[in-house]
């Protein structure tokens, strides 16, 4: 069995980006987690990912997701506790409010296999 892994803010790689986003990167062998704060009235650059999946969870504030669907620009407002998996879409995020927005990003390389049954049934209860 693997050992439990704890990470604190001092383990993170902190980056203040020119696009108005502050990021704490928590790196693991097979995935990474980012804690992000995007400043008010800030638009990140449009981008996409070739090999990774990126899942965004809004923690505080509202985050505007811009994306292309059939080459048509679309947008959707994400509220706290809402989640988006951007897949390999062309996308960006915007904070069009007057308060900072906090969100968490989970990034990993996907197997492109449906593993839902394993995920749902993997827990083993033990008595100590």
N, C-alpha and C. Protein backbone atom coordinates (compact mmCIF):
# COMPACT_ATOMS: atom_id res chain seq x y z
N UNK A 1 0.83 -1.19 0.00
CA UNK A 1 0.00 0.00 0.00
C UNK A 1 0.87 1.25 0.00
N UNK A 2 0.44 2.25 -0.72
CA UNK A 2 1.15 3.53 -0.76
C UNK A 2 0.91 4.32 0.52
N UNK A 3 1.84 5.19 0.80
CA UNK A 3 1.71 6.06 1.96
C UNK A 3 0.86 7.28 1.59
N UNK A 4 0.20 7.83 2.59
CA UNK A 4 -0.58 9.04 2.39
C UNK A 4 0.36 10.21 2.11
N UNK A 5 -0.06 11.14 1.27
CA UNK A 5 0.77 12.29 0.89
C UNK A 5 0.05 13.56 1.32
N UNK A 6 0.74 14.37 2.10
CA UNK A 6 0.21 15.67 2.50
C UNK A 6 0.99 16.75 1.76
N UNK A 7 0.32 17.79 1.33
CA UNK A 7 0.97 18.94 0.70
C UNK A 7 0.45 20.21 1.38
N UNK A 8 1.36 21.13 1.64
CA UNK A 8 0.98 22.43 2.20
C UNK A 8 1.37 23.51 1.21
N UNK A 9 0.98 24.73 1.51
CA UNK A 9 1.29 25.85 0.62
C UNK A 9 2.79 25.99 0.37
N UNK A 10 3.61 25.63 1.36
CA UNK A 10 5.06 25.74 1.15
C UNK A 10 5.60 24.69 0.17
N UNK A 11 4.82 23.64 -0.13
CA UNK A 11 5.20 22.64 -1.13
C UNK A 11 4.82 23.07 -2.55
N UNK A 12 3.98 24.08 -2.65
CA UNK A 12 3.47 24.52 -3.95
C UNK A 12 4.50 25.39 -4.67
N UNK A 13 4.38 25.38 -5.99
CA UNK A 13 5.14 26.30 -6.83
C UNK A 13 4.21 27.47 -7.11
N UNK A 14 4.55 28.65 -6.61
CA UNK A 14 3.68 29.83 -6.76
C UNK A 14 4.12 30.64 -7.97
N UNK A 15 3.13 31.01 -8.80
CA UNK A 15 3.39 31.84 -9.97
C UNK A 15 2.34 32.93 -10.05
N UNK A 16 2.80 34.18 -10.18
CA UNK A 16 1.91 35.30 -10.48
C UNK A 16 2.04 35.58 -11.96
N UNK A 17 0.99 35.27 -12.71
CA UNK A 17 1.04 35.39 -14.17
C UNK A 17 0.72 36.81 -14.63
N UNK A 18 1.22 37.16 -15.80
CA UNK A 18 0.95 38.47 -16.38
C UNK A 18 -0.53 38.66 -16.70
N UNK A 19 -1.28 37.55 -16.83
CA UNK A 19 -2.69 37.65 -17.19
C UNK A 19 -3.61 37.91 -15.99
N UNK A 20 -3.03 38.18 -14.81
CA UNK A 20 -3.84 38.51 -13.64
C UNK A 20 -4.23 37.32 -12.80
N UNK A 21 -3.62 36.17 -13.04
CA UNK A 21 -3.92 34.97 -12.28
C UNK A 21 -2.73 34.61 -11.39
N UNK A 22 -3.02 34.33 -10.13
CA UNK A 22 -2.01 33.79 -9.20
C UNK A 22 -2.31 32.31 -9.04
N UNK A 23 -1.26 31.49 -9.16
CA UNK A 23 -1.46 30.04 -9.13
C UNK A 23 -0.49 29.40 -8.15
N UNK A 24 -1.00 28.48 -7.34
CA UNK A 24 -0.17 27.59 -6.53
C UNK A 24 -0.30 26.20 -7.15
N UNK A 25 0.82 25.70 -7.70
CA UNK A 25 0.85 24.39 -8.36
C UNK A 25 1.30 23.33 -7.37
N UNK A 26 0.48 22.30 -7.20
CA UNK A 26 0.81 21.15 -6.38
C UNK A 26 1.03 19.98 -7.33
N UNK A 27 2.28 19.54 -7.45
CA UNK A 27 2.64 18.52 -8.42
C UNK A 27 2.72 17.14 -7.79
N UNK A 28 2.17 16.16 -8.48
CA UNK A 28 2.22 14.75 -8.11
C UNK A 28 2.76 13.99 -9.31
N UNK A 29 3.05 12.72 -9.17
CA UNK A 29 3.63 11.95 -10.28
C UNK A 29 2.70 11.86 -11.50
N UNK A 30 1.39 11.69 -11.27
CA UNK A 30 0.48 11.44 -12.38
C UNK A 30 -0.58 12.50 -12.59
N UNK A 31 -0.54 13.56 -11.80
CA UNK A 31 -1.52 14.63 -11.93
C UNK A 31 -1.00 15.86 -11.23
N UNK A 32 -1.71 16.96 -11.40
CA UNK A 32 -1.39 18.16 -10.65
C UNK A 32 -2.68 18.86 -10.27
N UNK A 33 -2.60 19.62 -9.19
CA UNK A 33 -3.73 20.40 -8.72
C UNK A 33 -3.25 21.84 -8.60
N UNK A 34 -4.04 22.78 -9.09
CA UNK A 34 -3.72 24.20 -8.97
C UNK A 34 -4.78 24.85 -8.09
N UNK A 35 -4.34 25.72 -7.22
CA UNK A 35 -5.24 26.64 -6.53
C UNK A 35 -5.04 27.99 -7.21
N UNK A 36 -6.09 28.58 -7.74
CA UNK A 36 -5.99 29.79 -8.55
C UNK A 36 -6.81 30.93 -7.97
N UNK A 37 -6.29 32.13 -8.15
CA UNK A 37 -7.05 33.36 -7.89
C UNK A 37 -6.90 34.21 -9.13
N UNK A 38 -8.03 34.57 -9.74
CA UNK A 38 -8.01 35.45 -10.91
C UNK A 38 -8.58 36.80 -10.48
N UNK A 39 -7.84 37.84 -10.76
CA UNK A 39 -8.19 39.19 -10.33
C UNK A 39 -9.41 39.72 -11.08
N UNK A 40 -10.08 40.73 -10.49
CA UNK A 40 -11.25 41.33 -11.15
C UNK A 40 -10.93 41.85 -12.54
N UNK A 41 -11.92 41.77 -13.42
CA UNK A 41 -11.84 42.31 -14.78
C UNK A 41 -10.61 41.79 -15.52
N UNK A 42 -10.40 40.46 -15.44
CA UNK A 42 -9.24 39.82 -16.03
C UNK A 42 -9.68 38.71 -16.98
N UNK A 43 -9.06 38.68 -18.15
CA UNK A 43 -9.32 37.63 -19.15
C UNK A 43 -8.01 36.88 -19.40
N UNK A 44 -8.02 35.58 -19.22
CA UNK A 44 -6.85 34.76 -19.52
C UNK A 44 -6.74 34.59 -21.04
N UNK A 45 -5.58 34.07 -21.49
CA UNK A 45 -5.39 33.84 -22.92
C UNK A 45 -6.16 32.60 -23.37
N UNK A 46 -6.61 32.63 -24.63
CA UNK A 46 -7.25 31.45 -25.22
C UNK A 46 -6.19 30.36 -25.36
N UNK A 47 -6.58 29.10 -25.12
CA UNK A 47 -5.63 28.00 -25.22
C UNK A 47 -6.38 26.67 -25.28
N UNK A 48 -5.63 25.62 -25.52
CA UNK A 48 -6.17 24.26 -25.43
C UNK A 48 -5.04 23.35 -24.99
N UNK A 49 -5.38 22.12 -24.63
CA UNK A 49 -4.40 21.15 -24.16
C UNK A 49 -4.41 19.95 -25.11
N UNK A 50 -3.22 19.52 -25.48
CA UNK A 50 -3.10 18.42 -26.44
C UNK A 50 -3.31 17.06 -25.80
N UNK A 51 -2.79 16.85 -24.58
CA UNK A 51 -2.80 15.52 -23.99
C UNK A 51 -3.48 15.44 -22.63
N UNK A 52 -3.65 16.55 -21.97
CA UNK A 52 -4.20 16.48 -20.62
C UNK A 52 -5.69 16.79 -20.60
N UNK A 53 -6.33 16.33 -19.53
CA UNK A 53 -7.68 16.76 -19.20
C UNK A 53 -7.54 17.77 -18.10
N UNK A 54 -8.39 18.77 -18.14
CA UNK A 54 -8.36 19.82 -17.14
C UNK A 54 -9.78 20.00 -16.61
N UNK A 55 -9.91 19.90 -15.31
CA UNK A 55 -11.21 20.05 -14.66
C UNK A 55 -11.12 21.24 -13.72
N UNK A 56 -12.08 22.15 -13.84
CA UNK A 56 -12.08 23.37 -13.04
C UNK A 56 -13.28 23.32 -12.10
N UNK A 57 -13.01 23.62 -10.81
CA UNK A 57 -14.06 23.72 -9.80
C UNK A 57 -14.01 25.13 -9.24
N UNK A 58 -15.12 25.85 -9.34
CA UNK A 58 -15.18 27.20 -8.80
C UNK A 58 -15.42 27.11 -7.30
N UNK A 59 -14.54 27.79 -6.53
CA UNK A 59 -14.65 27.76 -5.08
C UNK A 59 -15.34 29.01 -4.53
N UNK A 60 -14.98 30.18 -5.09
CA UNK A 60 -15.51 31.43 -4.57
C UNK A 60 -15.64 32.43 -5.71
N UNK A 61 -16.81 33.07 -5.82
CA UNK A 61 -17.06 34.02 -6.90
C UNK A 61 -17.66 33.33 -8.11
N UNK A 62 -17.75 34.06 -9.20
CA UNK A 62 -18.26 33.50 -10.46
C UNK A 62 -17.21 33.66 -11.54
N UNK A 63 -17.06 32.62 -12.33
CA UNK A 63 -16.04 32.55 -13.36
C UNK A 63 -16.72 32.35 -14.71
N UNK A 64 -16.36 33.17 -15.67
CA UNK A 64 -16.95 33.08 -17.00
C UNK A 64 -16.05 32.21 -17.89
N UNK A 65 -16.61 31.11 -18.38
CA UNK A 65 -15.90 30.20 -19.27
C UNK A 65 -16.25 30.57 -20.71
N UNK A 66 -15.23 30.89 -21.50
CA UNK A 66 -15.39 31.14 -22.94
C UNK A 66 -14.87 29.89 -23.66
N UNK A 67 -15.57 29.45 -24.69
CA UNK A 67 -15.14 28.27 -25.43
C UNK A 67 -15.69 28.32 -26.85
N UNK A 68 -15.09 27.52 -27.71
CA UNK A 68 -15.59 27.41 -29.08
C UNK A 68 -16.36 26.11 -29.21
N UNK A 69 -17.52 26.20 -29.84
CA UNK A 69 -18.31 25.01 -30.14
C UNK A 69 -18.65 25.08 -31.62
N UNK A 70 -18.11 24.16 -32.41
CA UNK A 70 -18.25 24.20 -33.87
C UNK A 70 -17.76 25.54 -34.42
N UNK A 71 -16.64 26.00 -33.90
CA UNK A 71 -16.00 27.27 -34.29
C UNK A 71 -16.86 28.50 -33.97
N UNK A 72 -17.85 28.34 -33.13
CA UNK A 72 -18.69 29.48 -32.71
C UNK A 72 -18.35 29.81 -31.27
N UNK A 73 -17.95 31.05 -30.98
CA UNK A 73 -17.65 31.43 -29.59
C UNK A 73 -18.90 31.35 -28.71
N UNK A 74 -18.74 30.71 -27.56
CA UNK A 74 -19.82 30.58 -26.59
C UNK A 74 -19.27 30.93 -25.23
N UNK A 75 -20.16 31.14 -24.26
CA UNK A 75 -19.71 31.38 -22.90
C UNK A 75 -20.76 30.88 -21.92
N UNK A 76 -20.26 30.56 -20.73
CA UNK A 76 -21.15 30.09 -19.66
C UNK A 76 -20.57 30.54 -18.33
N UNK A 77 -21.44 31.05 -17.50
CA UNK A 77 -21.04 31.51 -16.18
C UNK A 77 -21.03 30.33 -15.21
N UNK A 78 -19.93 30.18 -14.48
CA UNK A 78 -19.80 29.11 -13.50
C UNK A 78 -19.87 29.71 -12.10
N UNK A 79 -20.73 29.14 -11.28
CA UNK A 79 -20.93 29.59 -9.90
C UNK A 79 -20.18 28.68 -8.94
N UNK A 80 -20.05 29.09 -7.68
CA UNK A 80 -19.37 28.23 -6.70
C UNK A 80 -19.94 26.81 -6.69
N UNK A 81 -19.04 25.84 -6.60
CA UNK A 81 -19.32 24.41 -6.58
C UNK A 81 -19.75 23.86 -7.93
N UNK A 82 -19.65 24.66 -8.99
CA UNK A 82 -19.89 24.15 -10.33
C UNK A 82 -18.56 23.74 -10.95
N UNK A 83 -18.64 22.79 -11.87
CA UNK A 83 -17.46 22.12 -12.43
C UNK A 83 -17.55 22.13 -13.95
N UNK A 84 -16.40 22.31 -14.60
CA UNK A 84 -16.33 22.14 -16.05
C UNK A 84 -15.09 21.30 -16.36
N UNK A 85 -15.26 20.34 -17.26
CA UNK A 85 -14.15 19.57 -17.81
C UNK A 85 -13.96 20.08 -19.23
N UNK A 86 -12.86 20.76 -19.49
CA UNK A 86 -12.69 21.43 -20.78
C UNK A 86 -12.21 20.51 -21.89
N UNK A 87 -11.86 19.26 -21.54
CA UNK A 87 -11.37 18.31 -22.54
C UNK A 87 -10.23 18.97 -23.32
N UNK A 88 -10.24 18.85 -24.67
CA UNK A 88 -9.20 19.52 -25.46
C UNK A 88 -9.80 20.67 -26.26
N UNK A 89 -10.87 21.26 -25.72
CA UNK A 89 -11.51 22.39 -26.38
C UNK A 89 -10.62 23.63 -26.32
N UNK A 90 -10.84 24.55 -27.24
CA UNK A 90 -10.20 25.86 -27.16
C UNK A 90 -11.05 26.67 -26.19
N UNK A 91 -10.39 27.22 -25.16
CA UNK A 91 -11.14 27.87 -24.09
C UNK A 91 -10.31 28.94 -23.39
N UNK A 92 -10.99 29.71 -22.57
CA UNK A 92 -10.34 30.66 -21.68
C UNK A 92 -11.31 30.97 -20.55
N UNK A 93 -10.80 31.64 -19.52
CA UNK A 93 -11.63 32.01 -18.37
C UNK A 93 -11.48 33.49 -18.10
N UNK A 94 -12.58 34.07 -17.64
CA UNK A 94 -12.61 35.50 -17.37
C UNK A 94 -13.28 35.77 -16.03
N UNK A 95 -12.74 36.72 -15.31
CA UNK A 95 -13.40 37.26 -14.14
C UNK A 95 -13.91 38.63 -14.54
N UNK A 96 -15.20 38.73 -14.81
CA UNK A 96 -15.78 40.01 -15.23
C UNK A 96 -16.49 40.70 -14.07
N UNK A 97 -16.10 40.36 -12.84
CA UNK A 97 -16.69 40.97 -11.66
C UNK A 97 -15.67 41.89 -10.98
N UNK A 98 -16.09 42.51 -9.89
CA UNK A 98 -15.21 43.43 -9.17
C UNK A 98 -14.52 42.77 -7.98
N UNK A 99 -14.69 41.45 -7.81
CA UNK A 99 -14.05 40.71 -6.73
C UNK A 99 -13.19 39.58 -7.29
N UNK A 100 -12.11 39.20 -6.59
CA UNK A 100 -11.32 38.05 -7.06
C UNK A 100 -12.15 36.77 -7.08
N UNK A 101 -11.81 35.87 -7.99
CA UNK A 101 -12.46 34.56 -8.10
C UNK A 101 -11.43 33.50 -7.74
N UNK A 102 -11.84 32.53 -6.92
CA UNK A 102 -10.97 31.42 -6.54
C UNK A 102 -11.50 30.14 -7.16
N UNK A 103 -10.58 29.37 -7.77
CA UNK A 103 -10.98 28.10 -8.37
C UNK A 103 -9.83 27.11 -8.29
N UNK A 104 -10.19 25.83 -8.34
CA UNK A 104 -9.22 24.74 -8.28
C UNK A 104 -9.22 24.02 -9.61
N UNK A 105 -8.01 23.68 -10.08
CA UNK A 105 -7.86 22.99 -11.36
C UNK A 105 -7.19 21.64 -11.10
N UNK A 106 -7.77 20.59 -11.65
CA UNK A 106 -7.19 19.25 -11.61
C UNK A 106 -6.76 18.91 -13.03
N UNK A 107 -5.48 18.56 -13.20
CA UNK A 107 -4.95 18.24 -14.54
C UNK A 107 -4.29 16.87 -14.52
N UNK A 108 -4.62 16.06 -15.54
CA UNK A 108 -4.06 14.71 -15.63
C UNK A 108 -4.11 14.24 -17.07
N UNK A 109 -3.31 13.24 -17.37
CA UNK A 109 -3.34 12.61 -18.68
C UNK A 109 -4.34 11.46 -18.61
N UNK A 110 -5.35 11.53 -19.43
CA UNK A 110 -6.44 10.56 -19.38
C UNK A 110 -6.11 9.29 -20.16
N UNK A 111 -6.72 8.19 -19.77
CA UNK A 111 -6.56 6.92 -20.48
C UNK A 111 -7.54 6.80 -21.64
N UNK A 112 -8.56 7.64 -21.66
CA UNK A 112 -9.65 7.59 -22.64
C UNK A 112 -10.42 6.27 -22.56
N UNK A 113 -10.44 5.69 -21.36
CA UNK A 113 -11.23 4.50 -21.09
C UNK A 113 -12.28 4.86 -20.05
N UNK A 114 -13.43 4.24 -20.13
CA UNK A 114 -14.47 4.46 -19.13
C UNK A 114 -14.15 3.62 -17.90
N UNK A 115 -13.70 4.26 -16.85
CA UNK A 115 -13.31 3.58 -15.61
C UNK A 115 -14.30 3.85 -14.48
N UNK A 116 -15.52 4.25 -14.83
CA UNK A 116 -16.50 4.63 -13.81
C UNK A 116 -16.80 3.50 -12.82
N UNK A 117 -16.90 2.28 -13.30
CA UNK A 117 -17.22 1.17 -12.40
C UNK A 117 -16.10 0.94 -11.39
N UNK A 118 -14.87 1.05 -11.82
CA UNK A 118 -13.74 0.93 -10.88
C UNK A 118 -13.78 2.07 -9.87
N UNK A 119 -14.00 3.27 -10.35
CA UNK A 119 -14.03 4.44 -9.48
C UNK A 119 -15.14 4.32 -8.44
N UNK A 120 -16.32 3.87 -8.87
CA UNK A 120 -17.45 3.76 -7.95
C UNK A 120 -17.26 2.65 -6.92
N UNK A 121 -16.51 1.59 -7.25
CA UNK A 121 -16.46 0.40 -6.39
C UNK A 121 -15.08 0.15 -5.76
N UNK A 122 -14.20 1.14 -5.79
CA UNK A 122 -12.82 0.91 -5.34
C UNK A 122 -12.63 0.97 -3.83
N UNK A 123 -13.56 1.51 -3.10
CA UNK A 123 -13.42 1.67 -1.65
C UNK A 123 -13.52 0.32 -0.93
N UNK A 124 -12.56 0.07 -0.04
CA UNK A 124 -12.56 -1.14 0.78
C UNK A 124 -12.61 -0.70 2.24
N UNK A 125 -13.64 -1.10 2.95
CA UNK A 125 -13.79 -0.75 4.36
C UNK A 125 -12.97 -1.72 5.21
N UNK A 126 -12.23 -1.18 6.16
CA UNK A 126 -11.41 -2.02 7.05
C UNK A 126 -11.74 -1.68 8.50
N UNK A 127 -11.48 -2.63 9.38
CA UNK A 127 -11.62 -2.39 10.82
C UNK A 127 -10.25 -2.28 11.42
N UNK A 128 -10.03 -1.28 12.22
CA UNK A 128 -8.74 -1.04 12.86
C UNK A 128 -8.87 -1.31 14.35
